[in-house]
Structures are given as C-alpha cells and as structure tokens.
Amino acid sequence: MELQSFMSAAWLSIALLAAVVAGLQGRSKLWWFFITLVFGPLALLFLAIWTEPLRRDERG
C-alpha cells in the first residue's frame, strides 16, 4: 500500500513538472498536465526534448 501511494505521488509530480515546463515554453499548461497524467514520463521527455518553445511576436 505504501509503494502504491508513493508511485501515485511521483506520477502526479511528473505531471506538475510537465505543466511547468509547458508554461515556460508558452504552451497550454492544463493540456500538458492531462497528457502527462496519461503518458507519464514519456510526455515530459517529448515536451523537453523534441518540442521547440513557441516564438513570441516582438512587434508591439
């Protein structure tokens, strides 16, 4: 029982971390949070390695 609660907390922490990384890149934090809840560390790896940060418009 203790291992199961630890794993649940770790999975949730990974999802929160992915939401933070997505927010820093200018992406939807909520969407990436839910995607990471489903796919776990693979979604975080994809977000950190294979996606480019969104460019902000410098005009204005």
PDB file of N, CA and C in Angstrom:
ATOM      1  N   MET A   1       0.822  -1.196   0.000  1.00  0.00           N
ATOM      2  CA  MET A   1       0.000   0.000   0.000  1.00  0.00           C
ATOM      3  C   MET A   1       0.870   1.265   0.000  1.00  0.00           C
ATOM      4  N   GLU A   2       1.957   1.235   0.724  1.00  0.00           N
ATOM      5  CA  GLU A   2       2.828   2.397   0.805  1.00  0.00           C
ATOM      6  C   GLU A   2       3.508   2.670  -0.535  1.00  0.00           C
ATOM      7  N   LEU A   3       3.909   1.629  -1.234  1.00  0.00           N
ATOM      8  CA  LEU A   3       4.542   1.800  -2.548  1.00  0.00           C
ATOM      9  C   LEU A   3       3.561   2.388  -3.549  1.00  0.00           C
ATOM     10  N   GLN A   4       2.315   1.964  -3.477  1.00  0.00           N
ATOM     11  CA  GLN A   4       1.315   2.464  -4.408  1.00  0.00           C
ATOM     12  C   GLN A   4       1.074   3.968  -4.207  1.00  0.00           C
ATOM     13  N   SER A   5       1.016   4.427  -2.977  1.00  0.00           N
ATOM     14  CA  SER A   5       0.811   5.853  -2.736  1.00  0.00           C
ATOM     15  C   SER A   5       2.047   6.648  -3.148  1.00  0.00           C
ATOM     16  N   PHE A   6       3.233   6.069  -2.971  1.00  0.00           N
ATOM     17  CA  PHE A   6       4.455   6.737  -3.415  1.00  0.00           C
ATOM     18  C   PHE A   6       4.463   6.878  -4.933  1.00  0.00           C
ATOM     19  N   MET A   7       4.083   5.825  -5.641  1.00  0.00           N
ATOM     20  CA  MET A   7       4.067   5.872  -7.104  1.00  0.00           C
ATOM     21  C   MET A   7       3.026   6.873  -7.608  1.00  0.00           C
ATOM     22  N   SER A   8       1.896   6.954  -6.937  1.00  0.00           N
ATOM     23  CA  SER A   8       0.868   7.928  -7.330  1.00  0.00           C
ATOM     24  C   SER A   8       1.376   9.347  -7.144  1.00  0.00           C
ATOM     25  N   ALA A   9       2.072   9.592  -6.042  1.00  0.00           N
ATOM     26  CA  ALA A   9       2.621  10.922  -5.785  1.00  0.00           C
ATOM     27  C   ALA A   9       3.707  11.253  -6.812  1.00  0.00           C
ATOM     28  N   ALA A  10       4.512  10.282  -7.180  1.00  0.00           N
ATOM     29  CA  ALA A  10       5.569  10.512  -8.171  1.00  0.00           C
ATOM     30  C   ALA A  10       4.958  10.823  -9.538  1.00  0.00           C
ATOM     31  N   TRP A  11       3.911  10.100  -9.914  1.00  0.00           N
ATOM     32  CA  TRP A  11       3.254  10.311 -11.213  1.00  0.00           C
ATOM     33  C   TRP A  11       2.632  11.707 -11.263  1.00  0.00           C
ATOM     34  N   LEU A  12       2.012  12.119 -10.173  1.00  0.00           N
ATOM     35  CA  LEU A  12       1.406  13.448 -10.105  1.00  0.00           C
ATOM     36  C   LEU A  12       2.488  14.533 -10.149  1.00  0.00           C
ATOM     37  N   SER A  13       3.604  14.292  -9.499  1.00  0.00           N
ATOM     38  CA  SER A  13       4.710  15.258  -9.521  1.00  0.00           C
ATOM     39  C   SER A  13       5.274  15.415 -10.925  1.00  0.00           C
ATOM     40  N   ILE A  14       5.370  14.331 -11.662  1.00  0.00           N
ATOM     41  CA  ILE A  14       5.845  14.396 -13.044  1.00  0.00           C
ATOM     42  C   ILE A  14       4.866  15.207 -13.892  1.00  0.00           C
ATOM     43  N   ALA A  15       3.567  15.021 -13.665  1.00  0.00           N
ATOM     44  CA  ALA A  15       2.563  15.780 -14.419  1.00  0.00           C
ATOM     45  C   ALA A  15       2.656  17.269 -14.100  1.00  0.00           C
ATOM     46  N   LEU A  16       2.874  17.609 -12.837  1.00  0.00           N
ATOM     47  CA  LEU A  16       3.030  19.017 -12.467  1.00  0.00           C
ATOM     48  C   LEU A  16       4.296  19.619 -13.077  1.00  0.00           C
ATOM     49  N   LEU A  17       5.359  18.856 -13.087  1.00  0.00           N
ATOM     50  CA  LEU A  17       6.607  19.319 -13.692  1.00  0.00           C
ATOM     51  C   LEU A  17       6.423  19.569 -15.188  1.00  0.00           C
ATOM     52  N   ALA A  18       5.707  18.695 -15.855  1.00  0.00           N
ATOM     53  CA  ALA A  18       5.449  18.883 -17.287  1.00  0.00           C
ATOM     54  C   ALA A  18       4.615  20.137 -17.528  1.00  0.00           C
ATOM     55  N   ALA A  19       3.667  20.412 -16.644  1.00  0.00           N
ATOM     56  CA  ALA A  19       2.858  21.626 -16.782  1.00  0.00           C
ATOM     57  C   ALA A  19       3.716  22.873 -16.622  1.00  0.00           C
ATOM     58  N   VAL A  20       4.668  22.836 -15.714  1.00  0.00           N
ATOM     59  CA  VAL A  20       5.571  23.974 -15.532  1.00  0.00           C
ATOM     60  C   VAL A  20       6.448  24.174 -16.766  1.00  0.00           C
ATOM     61  N   VAL A  21       7.005  23.096 -17.283  1.00  0.00           N
ATOM     62  CA  VAL A  21       7.849  23.185 -18.478  1.00  0.00           C
ATOM     63  C   VAL A  21       7.036  23.707 -19.661  1.00  0.00           C
ATOM     64  N   ALA A  22       5.807  23.228 -19.807  1.00  0.00           N
ATOM     65  CA  ALA A  22       4.946  23.698 -20.898  1.00  0.00           C
ATOM     66  C   ALA A  22       4.650  25.182 -20.746  1.00  0.00           C
ATOM     67  N   GLY A  23       4.395  25.623 -19.528  1.00  0.00           N
ATOM     68  CA  GLY A  23       4.140  27.044 -19.297  1.00  0.00           C
ATOM     69  C   GLY A  23       5.345  27.903 -19.628  1.00  0.00           C
ATOM     70  N   LEU A  24       6.525  27.431 -19.300  1.00  0.00           N
ATOM     71  CA  LEU A  24       7.743  28.177 -19.617  1.00  0.00           C
ATOM     72  C   LEU A  24       7.977  28.260 -21.118  1.00  0.00           C
ATOM     73  N   GLN A  25       7.496  27.270 -21.852  1.00  0.00           N
ATOM     74  CA  GLN A  25       7.648  27.277 -23.308  1.00  0.00           C
ATOM     75  C   GLN A  25       6.502  28.000 -24.007  1.00  0.00           C
ATOM     76  N   GLY A  26       5.527  28.494 -23.240  1.00  0.00           N
ATOM     77  CA  GLY A  26       4.407  29.217 -23.834  1.00  0.00           C
ATOM     78  C   GLY A  26       3.298  28.318 -24.324  1.00  0.00           C
ATOM     79  N   ARG A  27       3.229  27.112 -23.809  1.00  0.00           N
ATOM     80  CA  ARG A  27       2.196  26.166 -24.225  1.00  0.00           C
ATOM     81  C   ARG A  27       1.111  26.058 -23.161  1.00  0.00           C
ATOM     82  N   SER A  28       0.049  25.340 -23.460  1.00  0.00           N
ATOM     83  CA  SER A  28      -1.067  25.165 -22.540  1.00  0.00           C
ATOM     84  C   SER A  28      -0.662  24.260 -21.379  1.00  0.00           C
ATOM     85  N   LYS A  29      -0.662  24.803 -20.172  1.00  0.00           N
ATOM     86  CA  LYS A  29      -0.247  24.032 -19.002  1.00  0.00           C
ATOM     87  C   LYS A  29      -1.252  22.918 -18.666  1.00  0.00           C
ATOM     88  N   LEU A  30      -2.537  23.248 -18.746  1.00  0.00           N
ATOM     89  CA  LEU A  30      -3.557  22.264 -18.384  1.00  0.00           C
ATOM     90  C   LEU A  30      -3.553  21.078 -19.342  1.00  0.00           C
ATOM     91  N   TRP A  31      -3.443  21.365 -20.638  1.00  0.00           N
ATOM     92  CA  TRP A  31      -3.422  20.294 -21.636  1.00  0.00           C
ATOM     93  C   TRP A  31      -2.241  19.374 -21.391  1.00  0.00           C
ATOM     94  N   TRP A  32      -1.047  19.905 -21.184  1.00  0.00           N
ATOM     95  CA  TRP A  32       0.131  19.076 -20.950  1.00  0.00           C
ATOM     96  C   TRP A  32       0.052  18.340 -19.621  1.00  0.00           C
ATOM     97  N   PHE A  33      -0.610  18.924 -18.619  1.00  0.00           N
ATOM     98  CA  PHE A  33      -0.804  18.223 -17.353  1.00  0.00           C
ATOM     99  C   PHE A  33      -1.603  16.940 -17.575  1.00  0.00           C
ATOM    100  N   PHE A  34      -2.712  17.035 -18.310  1.00  0.00           N
ATOM    101  CA  PHE A  34      -3.546  15.859 -18.564  1.00  0.00           C
ATOM    102  C   PHE A  34      -2.850  14.846 -19.474  1.00  0.00           C
ATOM    103  N   ILE A  35      -2.140  15.325 -20.474  1.00  0.00           N
ATOM    104  CA  ILE A  35      -1.401  14.410 -21.346  1.00  0.00           C
ATOM    105  C   ILE A  35      -0.366  13.631 -20.548  1.00  0.00           C
ATOM    106  N   THR A  36       0.316  14.313 -19.625  1.00  0.00           N
ATOM    107  CA  THR A  36       1.330  13.645 -18.813  1.00  0.00           C
ATOM    108  C   THR A  36       0.703  12.691 -17.807  1.00  0.00           C
ATOM    109  N   LEU A  37      -0.502  12.980 -17.335  1.00  0.00           N
ATOM    110  CA  LEU A  37      -1.173  12.015 -16.462  1.00  0.00           C
ATOM    111  C   LEU A  37      -1.430  10.698 -17.190  1.00  0.00           C
ATOM    112  N   VAL A  38      -1.679  10.782 -18.493  1.00  0.00           N
ATOM    113  CA  VAL A  38      -1.948   9.579 -19.273  1.00  0.00           C
ATOM    114  C   VAL A  38      -0.655   8.884 -19.687  1.00  0.00           C
ATOM    115  N   PHE A  39       0.305   9.637 -20.221  1.00  0.00           N
ATOM    116  CA  PHE A  39       1.504   9.035 -20.793  1.00  0.00           C
ATOM    117  C   PHE A  39       2.725   9.080 -19.880  1.00  0.00           C
ATOM    118  N   GLY A  40       2.638   9.827 -18.809  1.00  0.00           N
ATOM    119  CA  GLY A  40       3.706   9.850 -17.816  1.00  0.00           C
ATOM    120  C   GLY A  40       4.992  10.468 -18.306  1.00  0.00           C
ATOM    121  N   PRO A  41       6.119   9.896 -17.901  1.00  0.00           N
ATOM    122  CA  PRO A  41       7.417  10.476 -18.222  1.00  0.00           C
ATOM    123  C   PRO A  41       7.697  10.581 -19.719  1.00  0.00           C
ATOM    124  N   LEU A  42       7.058   9.766 -20.531  1.00  0.00           N
ATOM    125  CA  LEU A  42       7.272   9.870 -21.974  1.00  0.00           C
ATOM    126  C   LEU A  42       6.794  11.209 -22.519  1.00  0.00           C
ATOM    127  N   ALA A  43       5.681  11.713 -21.992  1.00  0.00           N
ATOM    128  CA  ALA A  43       5.187  13.026 -22.423  1.00  0.00           C
ATOM    129  C   ALA A  43       6.140  14.129 -21.990  1.00  0.00           C
ATOM    130  N   LEU A  44       6.677  14.021 -20.782  1.00  0.00           N
ATOM    131  CA  LEU A  44       7.645  15.016 -20.311  1.00  0.00           C
ATOM    132  C   LEU A  44       8.911  14.981 -21.164  1.00  0.00           C
ATOM    133  N   LEU A  45       9.375  13.805 -21.505  1.00  0.00           N
ATOM    134  CA  LEU A  45      10.547  13.676 -22.363  1.00  0.00           C
ATOM    135  C   LEU A  45      10.288  14.307 -23.726  1.00  0.00           C
ATOM    136  N   PHE A  46       9.130  14.035 -24.300  1.00  0.00           N
ATOM    137  CA  PHE A  46       8.769  14.621 -25.583  1.00  0.00           C
ATOM    138  C   PHE A  46       8.721  16.143 -25.494  1.00  0.00           C
ATOM    139  N   LEU A  47       8.123  16.658 -24.431  1.00  0.00           N
ATOM    140  CA  LEU A  47       7.998  18.105 -24.258  1.00  0.00           C
ATOM    141  C   LEU A  47       9.362  18.769 -24.101  1.00  0.00           C
ATOM    142  N   ALA A  48      10.237  18.141 -23.355  1.00  0.00           N
ATOM    143  CA  ALA A  48      11.540  18.749 -23.066  1.00  0.00           C
ATOM    144  C   ALA A  48      12.532  18.610 -24.216  1.00  0.00           C
ATOM    145  N   ILE A  49      12.471  17.520 -24.966  1.00  0.00           N
ATOM    146  CA  ILE A  49      13.499  17.245 -25.969  1.00  0.00           C
ATOM    147  C   ILE A  49      13.058  17.618 -27.386  1.00  0.00           C
ATOM    148  N   TRP A  50      11.873  17.213 -27.776  1.00  0.00           N
ATOM    149  CA  TRP A  50      11.500  17.315 -29.188  1.00  0.00           C
ATOM    150  C   TRP A  50      10.630  18.505 -29.550  1.00  0.00           C
ATOM    151  N   THR A  51      10.210  19.301 -28.604  1.00  0.00           N
ATOM    152  CA  THR A  51       9.384  20.457 -28.968  1.00  0.00           C
ATOM    153  C   THR A  51      10.198  21.734 -28.838  1.00  0.00           C
ATOM    154  N   GLU A  52       9.986  22.626 -29.750  1.00  0.00           N
ATOM    155  CA  GLU A  52      10.627  23.940 -29.709  1.00  0.00           C
ATOM    156  C   GLU A  52       9.714  24.894 -28.943  1.00  0.00           C
ATOM    157  N   PRO A  53      10.281  25.795 -28.148  1.00  0.00           N
ATOM    158  CA  PRO A  53       9.450  26.808 -27.485  1.00  0.00           C
ATOM    159  C   PRO A  53       8.738  27.664 -28.519  1.00  0.00           C
ATOM    160  N   LEU A  54       7.527  28.070 -28.216  1.00  0.00           N
ATOM    161  CA  LEU A  54       6.782  28.925 -29.126  1.00  0.00           C
ATOM    162  C   LEU A  54       7.430  30.306 -29.154  1.00  0.00           C
ATOM    163  N   ARG A  55       7.470  30.902 -30.332  1.00  0.00           N
ATOM    164  CA  ARG A  55       8.075  32.219 -30.506  1.00  0.00           C
ATOM    165  C   ARG A  55       7.052  33.289 -30.153  1.00  0.00           C
ATOM    166  N   ARG A  56       7.489  34.295 -29.441  1.00  0.00           N
ATOM    167  CA  ARG A  56       6.617  35.429 -29.140  1.00  0.00           C
ATOM    168  C   ARG A  56       6.810  36.491 -30.214  1.00  0.00           C
ATOM    169  N   ASP A  57       5.736  37.179 -30.516  1.00  0.00           N
ATOM    170  CA  ASP A  57       5.803  38.245 -31.509  1.00  0.00           C
ATOM    171  C   ASP A  57       6.483  39.451 -30.878  1.00  0.00           C
ATOM    172  N   GLU A  58       7.559  39.904 -31.477  1.00  0.00           N
ATOM    173  CA  GLU A  58       8.353  41.002 -30.931  1.00  0.00           C
ATOM    174  C   GLU A  58       7.768  42.361 -31.297  1.00  0.00           C
ATOM    175  N   ARG A  59       6.782  42.383 -32.188  1.00  0.00           N
ATOM    176  CA  ARG A  59       6.158  43.659 -32.554  1.00  0.00           C
ATOM    177  C   ARG A  59       5.221  44.115 -31.454  1.00  0.00           C
ATOM    178  N   GLY A  60       5.071  45.386 -31.303  1.00  0.00           N
ATOM    179  CA  GLY A  60       4.052  45.917 -30.420  1.00  0.00           C
ATOM    180  C   GLY A  60       4.579  46.406 -29.184  1.00  0.00           C
TER     181      GLY A  60
END
